[in-house]
């Protein structure tokens, strides 16, 4: 089982919080963040990064179900 990570670049402000929290999952590329890999092993750190994103630009999906950010 893998999760799919996506960053909405129309919302991302490139704060770098995700890359600082989880450099193995996110990196800054020019002015925006991007996932290191679109498919990842399930991990709470990905959900933490989605939760901490100041613009809620990170989406984590398990198949069709959105698991992050958490409510």
PDB file of N, CA and C in Angstrom:
ATOM      1  N   UNK A   1       0.837  -1.174   0.000  1.00  0.00           N
ATOM      2  CA  UNK A   1       0.000   0.000   0.000  1.00  0.00           C
ATOM      3  C   UNK A   1       0.890   1.248   0.000  1.00  0.00           C
ATOM      4  N   UNK A   2       0.549   2.222  -0.837  1.00  0.00           N
ATOM      5  CA  UNK A   2       1.257   3.495  -0.859  1.00  0.00           C
ATOM      6  C   UNK A   2       0.258   4.638  -0.799  1.00  0.00           C
ATOM      7  N   UNK A   3       0.752   5.783  -0.418  1.00  0.00           N
ATOM      8  CA  UNK A   3      -0.034   7.010  -0.424  1.00  0.00           C
ATOM      9  C   UNK A   3       0.454   7.883  -1.570  1.00  0.00           C
ATOM     10  N   UNK A   4      -0.440   8.716  -2.081  1.00  0.00           N
ATOM     11  CA  UNK A   4      -0.096   9.678  -3.127  1.00  0.00           C
ATOM     12  C   UNK A   4      -0.034  11.067  -2.497  1.00  0.00           C
ATOM     13  N   UNK A   5       1.067  11.788  -2.737  1.00  0.00           N
ATOM     14  CA  UNK A   5       1.262  13.128  -2.191  1.00  0.00           C
ATOM     15  C   UNK A   5       1.234  14.125  -3.338  1.00  0.00           C
ATOM     16  N   UNK A   6       0.486  15.197  -3.139  1.00  0.00           N
ATOM     17  CA  UNK A   6       0.382  16.235  -4.159  1.00  0.00           C
ATOM     18  C   UNK A   6       0.469  17.603  -3.491  1.00  0.00           C
ATOM     19  N   UNK A   7       1.096  18.553  -4.188  1.00  0.00           N
ATOM     20  CA  UNK A   7       1.160  19.935  -3.712  1.00  0.00           C
ATOM     21  C   UNK A   7       0.533  20.825  -4.769  1.00  0.00           C
ATOM     22  N   UNK A   8      -0.443  21.604  -4.352  1.00  0.00           N
ATOM     23  CA  UNK A   8      -1.123  22.535  -5.246  1.00  0.00           C
ATOM     24  C   UNK A   8      -0.276  23.799  -5.356  1.00  0.00           C
ATOM     25  N   UNK A   9       0.409  23.948  -6.479  1.00  0.00           N
ATOM     26  CA  UNK A   9       1.311  25.090  -6.664  1.00  0.00           C
ATOM     27  C   UNK A   9       0.570  26.413  -6.830  1.00  0.00           C
ATOM     28  N   UNK A  10      -0.732  26.363  -7.055  1.00  0.00           N
ATOM     29  CA  UNK A  10      -1.491  27.613  -7.111  1.00  0.00           C
ATOM     30  C   UNK A  10      -1.768  28.149  -5.710  1.00  0.00           C
ATOM     31  N   UNK A  11      -1.547  27.300  -4.700  1.00  0.00           N
ATOM     32  CA  UNK A  11      -1.776  27.679  -3.309  1.00  0.00           C
ATOM     33  C   UNK A  11      -0.461  27.775  -2.527  1.00  0.00           C
ATOM     34  N   UNK A  12       0.520  26.967  -2.884  1.00  0.00           N
ATOM     35  CA  UNK A  12       1.800  26.910  -2.168  1.00  0.00           C
ATOM     36  C   UNK A  12       2.501  28.267  -2.209  1.00  0.00           C
ATOM     37  N   UNK A  13       3.014  28.702  -1.031  1.00  0.00           N
ATOM     38  CA  UNK A  13       3.767  29.954  -0.960  1.00  0.00           C
ATOM     39  C   UNK A  13       5.258  29.706  -0.753  1.00  0.00           C
ATOM     40  N   UNK A  14       5.669  28.447  -0.742  1.00  0.00           N
ATOM     41  CA  UNK A  14       7.080  28.114  -0.607  1.00  0.00           C
ATOM     42  C   UNK A  14       7.653  28.438   0.757  1.00  0.00           C
ATOM     43  N   UNK A  15       6.850  28.293   1.809  1.00  0.00           N
ATOM     44  CA  UNK A  15       7.319  28.604   3.165  1.00  0.00           C
ATOM     45  C   UNK A  15       8.446  27.672   3.598  1.00  0.00           C
ATOM     46  N   UNK A  16       8.472  26.462   3.059  1.00  0.00           N
ATOM     47  CA  UNK A  16       9.517  25.498   3.394  1.00  0.00           C
ATOM     48  C   UNK A  16       9.238  24.698   4.651  1.00  0.00           C
ATOM     49  N   UNK A  17       8.076  24.878   5.254  1.00  0.00           N
ATOM     50  CA  UNK A  17       7.763  24.128   6.475  1.00  0.00           C
ATOM     51  C   UNK A  17       7.772  22.627   6.227  1.00  0.00           C
ATOM     52  N   UNK A  18       7.233  22.206   5.088  1.00  0.00           N
ATOM     53  CA  UNK A  18       7.186  20.772   4.787  1.00  0.00           C
ATOM     54  C   UNK A  18       8.589  20.206   4.593  1.00  0.00           C
ATOM     55  N   UNK A  19       9.426  20.941   3.878  1.00  0.00           N
ATOM     56  CA  UNK A  19      10.795  20.474   3.619  1.00  0.00           C
ATOM     57  C   UNK A  19      11.624  20.458   4.898  1.00  0.00           C
ATOM     58  N   UNK A  20      11.356  21.396   5.800  1.00  0.00           N
ATOM     59  CA  UNK A  20      12.072  21.408   7.080  1.00  0.00           C
ATOM     60  C   UNK A  20      11.616  20.260   7.971  1.00  0.00           C
ATOM     61  N   UNK A  21      10.323  19.984   7.958  1.00  0.00           N
ATOM     62  CA  UNK A  21       9.762  18.925   8.793  1.00  0.00           C
ATOM     63  C   UNK A  21      10.073  17.533   8.254  1.00  0.00           C
ATOM     64  N   UNK A  22      10.021  17.385   6.929  1.00  0.00           N
ATOM     65  CA  UNK A  22      10.196  16.059   6.322  1.00  0.00           C
ATOM     66  C   UNK A  22      11.028  16.168   5.040  1.00  0.00           C
ATOM     67  N   UNK A  23      12.340  16.440   5.165  1.00  0.00           N
ATOM     68  CA  UNK A  23      13.173  16.596   3.972  1.00  0.00           C
ATOM     69  C   UNK A  23      13.262  15.338   3.119  1.00  0.00           C
ATOM     70  N   UNK A  24      12.946  14.189   3.705  1.00  0.00           N
ATOM     71  CA  UNK A  24      12.943  12.954   2.927  1.00  0.00           C
ATOM     72  C   UNK A  24      11.710  12.860   2.031  1.00  0.00           C
ATOM     73  N   UNK A  25      10.706  13.699   2.288  1.00  0.00           N
ATOM     74  CA  UNK A  25       9.462  13.665   1.519  1.00  0.00           C
ATOM     75  C   UNK A  25       9.225  14.901   0.657  1.00  0.00           C
ATOM     76  N   UNK A  26       9.780  16.065   1.076  1.00  0.00           N
ATOM     77  CA  UNK A  26       9.517  17.324   0.381  1.00  0.00           C
ATOM     78  C   UNK A  26      10.803  18.107   0.166  1.00  0.00           C
ATOM     79  N   UNK A  27      10.824  18.899  -0.916  1.00  0.00           N
ATOM     80  CA  UNK A  27      11.953  19.787  -1.193  1.00  0.00           C
ATOM     81  C   UNK A  27      11.402  21.080  -1.801  1.00  0.00           C
ATOM     82  N   UNK A  28      12.188  22.127  -1.679  1.00  0.00           N
ATOM     83  CA  UNK A  28      11.823  23.381  -2.325  1.00  0.00           C
ATOM     84  C   UNK A  28      12.454  23.415  -3.698  1.00  0.00           C
ATOM     85  N   UNK A  29      11.678  23.770  -4.699  1.00  0.00           N
ATOM     86  CA  UNK A  29      12.150  23.874  -6.076  1.00  0.00           C
ATOM     87  C   UNK A  29      11.744  25.253  -6.568  1.00  0.00           C
ATOM     88  N   UNK A  30      12.713  26.132  -6.729  1.00  0.00           N
ATOM     89  CA  UNK A  30      12.453  27.526  -7.080  1.00  0.00           C
ATOM     90  C   UNK A  30      11.593  28.156  -5.979  1.00  0.00           C
ATOM     91  N   UNK A  31      10.365  28.526  -6.297  1.00  0.00           N
ATOM     92  CA  UNK A  31       9.520  29.235  -5.342  1.00  0.00           C
ATOM     93  C   UNK A  31       8.491  28.362  -4.652  1.00  0.00           C
ATOM     94  N   UNK A  32       8.462  27.068  -4.977  1.00  0.00           N
ATOM     95  CA  UNK A  32       7.419  26.195  -4.470  1.00  0.00           C
ATOM     96  C   UNK A  32       7.998  24.908  -3.909  1.00  0.00           C
ATOM     97  N   UNK A  33       7.193  24.271  -3.068  1.00  0.00           N
ATOM     98  CA  UNK A  33       7.563  22.952  -2.566  1.00  0.00           C
ATOM     99  C   UNK A  33       7.091  21.901  -3.562  1.00  0.00           C
ATOM    100  N   UNK A  34       7.740  20.766  -3.516  1.00  0.00           N
ATOM    101  CA  UNK A  34       7.299  19.631  -4.324  1.00  0.00           C
ATOM    102  C   UNK A  34       7.639  18.354  -3.584  1.00  0.00           C
ATOM    103  N   UNK A  35       6.857  17.309  -3.810  1.00  0.00           N
ATOM    104  CA  UNK A  35       7.183  16.036  -3.175  1.00  0.00           C
ATOM    105  C   UNK A  35       8.433  15.428  -3.814  1.00  0.00           C
ATOM    106  N   UNK A  36       9.246  14.783  -3.013  1.00  0.00           N
ATOM    107  CA  UNK A  36      10.412  14.068  -3.537  1.00  0.00           C
ATOM    108  C   UNK A  36       9.942  12.933  -4.437  1.00  0.00           C
ATOM    109  N   UNK A  37       8.859  12.273  -4.028  1.00  0.00           N
ATOM    110  CA  UNK A  37       8.237  11.207  -4.818  1.00  0.00           C
ATOM    111  C   UNK A  37       6.727  11.331  -4.653  1.00  0.00           C
ATOM    112  N   UNK A  38       5.999  11.089  -5.713  1.00  0.00           N
ATOM    113  CA  UNK A  38       4.538  11.200  -5.653  1.00  0.00           C
ATOM    114  C   UNK A  38       3.913  10.065  -4.844  1.00  0.00           C
ATOM    115  N   UNK A  39       4.534   8.909  -4.889  1.00  0.00           N
ATOM    116  CA  UNK A  39       4.033   7.752  -4.145  1.00  0.00           C
ATOM    117  C   UNK A  39       4.987   7.474  -2.982  1.00  0.00           C
ATOM    118  N   UNK A  40       4.423   7.370  -1.772  1.00  0.00           N
ATOM    119  CA  UNK A  40       5.239   7.146  -0.582  1.00  0.00           C
ATOM    120  C   UNK A  40       4.641   6.019   0.256  1.00  0.00           C
ATOM    121  N   UNK A  41       5.460   5.472   1.114  1.00  0.00           N
ATOM    122  CA  UNK A  41       4.961   4.539   2.111  1.00  0.00           C
ATOM    123  C   UNK A  41       4.178   5.344   3.146  1.00  0.00           C
ATOM    124  N   UNK A  42       3.081   4.815   3.651  1.00  0.00           N
ATOM    125  CA  UNK A  42       2.318   5.537   4.667  1.00  0.00           C
ATOM    126  C   UNK A  42       3.196   5.902   5.873  1.00  0.00           C
ATOM    127  N   UNK A  43       3.119   7.176   6.274  1.00  0.00           N
ATOM    128  CA  UNK A  43       3.899   7.656   7.406  1.00  0.00           C
ATOM    129  C   UNK A  43       3.222   8.881   8.012  1.00  0.00           C
ATOM    130  N   UNK A  44       3.234   8.941   9.330  1.00  0.00           N
ATOM    131  CA  UNK A  44       2.624  10.074  10.022  1.00  0.00           C
ATOM    132  C   UNK A  44       3.304  11.389   9.695  1.00  0.00           C
ATOM    133  N   UNK A  45       4.584  11.364   9.344  1.00  0.00           N
ATOM    134  CA  UNK A  45       5.301  12.605   9.049  1.00  0.00           C
ATOM    135  C   UNK A  45       4.709  13.304   7.820  1.00  0.00           C
ATOM    136  N   UNK A  46       4.204  12.546   6.861  1.00  0.00           N
ATOM    137  CA  UNK A  46       3.547  13.153   5.690  1.00  0.00           C
ATOM    138  C   UNK A  46       2.260  13.849   6.120  1.00  0.00           C
ATOM    139  N   UNK A  47       1.522  13.229   7.016  1.00  0.00           N
ATOM    140  CA  UNK A  47       0.302  13.838   7.528  1.00  0.00           C
ATOM    141  C   UNK A  47       0.614  15.069   8.367  1.00  0.00           C
ATOM    142  N   UNK A  48       1.686  15.002   9.162  1.00  0.00           N
ATOM    143  CA  UNK A  48       2.106  16.162   9.949  1.00  0.00           C
ATOM    144  C   UNK A  48       2.452  17.336   9.040  1.00  0.00           C
ATOM    145  N   UNK A  49       3.156  17.061   7.954  1.00  0.00           N
ATOM    146  CA  UNK A  49       3.530  18.121   7.019  1.00  0.00           C
ATOM    147  C   UNK A  49       2.285  18.725   6.370  1.00  0.00           C
ATOM    148  N   UNK A  50       1.341  17.893   5.980  1.00  0.00           N
ATOM    149  CA  UNK A  50       0.096  18.394   5.394  1.00  0.00           C
ATOM    150  C   UNK A  50      -0.663  19.243   6.405  1.00  0.00           C
ATOM    151  N   UNK A  51      -0.676  18.804   7.664  1.00  0.00           N
ATOM    152  CA  UNK A  51      -1.358  19.552   8.720  1.00  0.00           C
ATOM    153  C   UNK A  51      -0.698  20.904   8.982  1.00  0.00           C
ATOM    154  N   UNK A  52       0.631  20.953   8.898  1.00  0.00           N
ATOM    155  CA  UNK A  52       1.382  22.162   9.239  1.00  0.00           C
ATOM    156  C   UNK A  52       1.504  23.159   8.095  1.00  0.00           C
ATOM    157  N   UNK A  53       1.169  22.760   6.883  1.00  0.00           N
ATOM    158  CA  UNK A  53       1.280  23.658   5.731  1.00  0.00           C
ATOM    159  C   UNK A  53       0.407  24.892   5.969  1.00  0.00           C
ATOM    160  N   UNK A  54       0.992  26.096   5.936  1.00  0.00           N
ATOM    161  CA  UNK A  54       0.206  27.300   6.252  1.00  0.00           C
ATOM    162  C   UNK A  54      -0.910  27.600   5.250  1.00  0.00           C
ATOM    163  N   UNK A  55      -0.814  27.065   4.046  1.00  0.00           N
ATOM    164  CA  UNK A  55      -1.855  27.325   3.043  1.00  0.00           C
ATOM    165  C   UNK A  55      -2.652  26.072   2.688  1.00  0.00           C
ATOM    166  N   UNK A  56      -2.381  24.964   3.406  1.00  0.00           N
ATOM    167  CA  UNK A  56      -3.072  23.699   3.160  1.00  0.00           C
ATOM    168  C   UNK A  56      -2.899  23.240   1.708  1.00  0.00           C
ATOM    169  N   UNK A  57      -1.710  23.419   1.169  1.00  0.00           N
ATOM    170  CA  UNK A  57      -1.421  23.076  -0.222  1.00  0.00           C
ATOM    171  C   UNK A  57      -1.115  21.597  -0.426  1.00  0.00           C
ATOM    172  N   UNK A  58      -0.827  20.874   0.647  1.00  0.00           N
ATOM    173  CA  UNK A  58      -0.442  19.465   0.547  1.00  0.00           C
ATOM    174  C   UNK A  58      -1.663  18.569   0.737  1.00  0.00           C
ATOM    175  N   UNK A  59      -1.827  17.635  -0.188  1.00  0.00           N
ATOM    176  CA  UNK A  59      -2.885  16.631  -0.078  1.00  0.00           C
ATOM    177  C   UNK A  59      -2.235  15.254  -0.072  1.00  0.00           C
ATOM    178  N   UNK A  60      -2.657  14.430   0.857  1.00  0.00           N
ATOM    179  CA  UNK A  60      -2.186  13.047   0.946  1.00  0.00           C
ATOM    180  C   UNK A  60      -3.393  12.147   0.739  1.00  0.00           C
ATOM    181  N   UNK A  61      -3.288  11.210  -0.203  1.00  0.00           N
ATOM    182  CA  UNK A  61      -4.403  10.310  -0.521  1.00  0.00           C
ATOM    183  C   UNK A  61      -3.988   8.850  -0.375  1.00  0.00           C
ATOM    184  N   UNK A  62      -4.931   8.090   0.133  1.00  0.00           N
ATOM    185  CA  UNK A  62      -4.814   6.636   0.179  1.00  0.00           C
ATOM    186  C   UNK A  62      -5.865   6.122  -0.791  1.00  0.00           C
ATOM    187  N   UNK A  63      -5.453   5.856  -2.023  1.00  0.00           N
ATOM    188  CA  UNK A  63      -6.414   5.527  -3.075  1.00  0.00           C
ATOM    189  C   UNK A  63      -7.257   6.753  -3.372  1.00  0.00           C
ATOM    190  N   UNK A  64      -8.567   6.615  -3.271  1.00  0.00           N
ATOM    191  CA  UNK A  64      -9.475   7.741  -3.501  1.00  0.00           C
ATOM    192  C   UNK A  64      -9.770   8.524  -2.232  1.00  0.00           C
ATOM    193  N   UNK A  65      -9.301   8.044  -1.098  1.00  0.00           N
ATOM    194  CA  UNK A  65      -9.607   8.661   0.193  1.00  0.00           C
ATOM    195  C   UNK A  65      -8.527   9.673   0.580  1.00  0.00           C
ATOM    196  N   UNK A  66      -8.940  10.906   0.880  1.00  0.00           N
ATOM    197  CA  UNK A  66      -8.004  11.925   1.362  1.00  0.00           C
ATOM    198  C   UNK A  66      -7.746  11.675   2.840  1.00  0.00           C
ATOM    199  N   UNK A  67      -6.461  11.468   3.190  1.00  0.00           N
ATOM    200  CA  UNK A  67      -6.090  11.213   4.579  1.00  0.00           C
ATOM    201  C   UNK A  67      -5.348  12.393   5.192  1.00  0.00           C
ATOM    202  N   UNK A  68      -4.932  13.327   4.386  1.00  0.00           N
ATOM    203  CA  UNK A  68      -4.260  14.506   4.897  1.00  0.00           C
ATOM    204  C   UNK A  68      -4.495  15.688   3.981  1.00  0.00           C
ATOM    205  N   UNK A  69      -4.612  16.862   4.520  1.00  0.00           N
ATOM    206  CA  UNK A  69      -4.491  17.185   5.948  1.00  0.00           C
ATOM    207  C   UNK A  69      -5.669  16.637   6.754  1.00  0.00           C
ATOM    208  N   UNK A  70      -5.365  16.418   8.008  1.00  0.00           N
ATOM    209  CA  UNK A  70      -6.401  15.892   8.922  1.00  0.00           C
ATOM    210  C   UNK A  70      -7.303  17.037   9.378  1.00  0.00           C
ATOM    211  N   UNK A  71      -8.556  16.719   9.646  1.00  0.00           N
ATOM    212  CA  UNK A  71      -9.485  17.772  10.126  1.00  0.00           C
ATOM    213  C   UNK A  71      -9.110  18.299  11.486  1.00  0.00           C
TER     214      UNK A  71
END
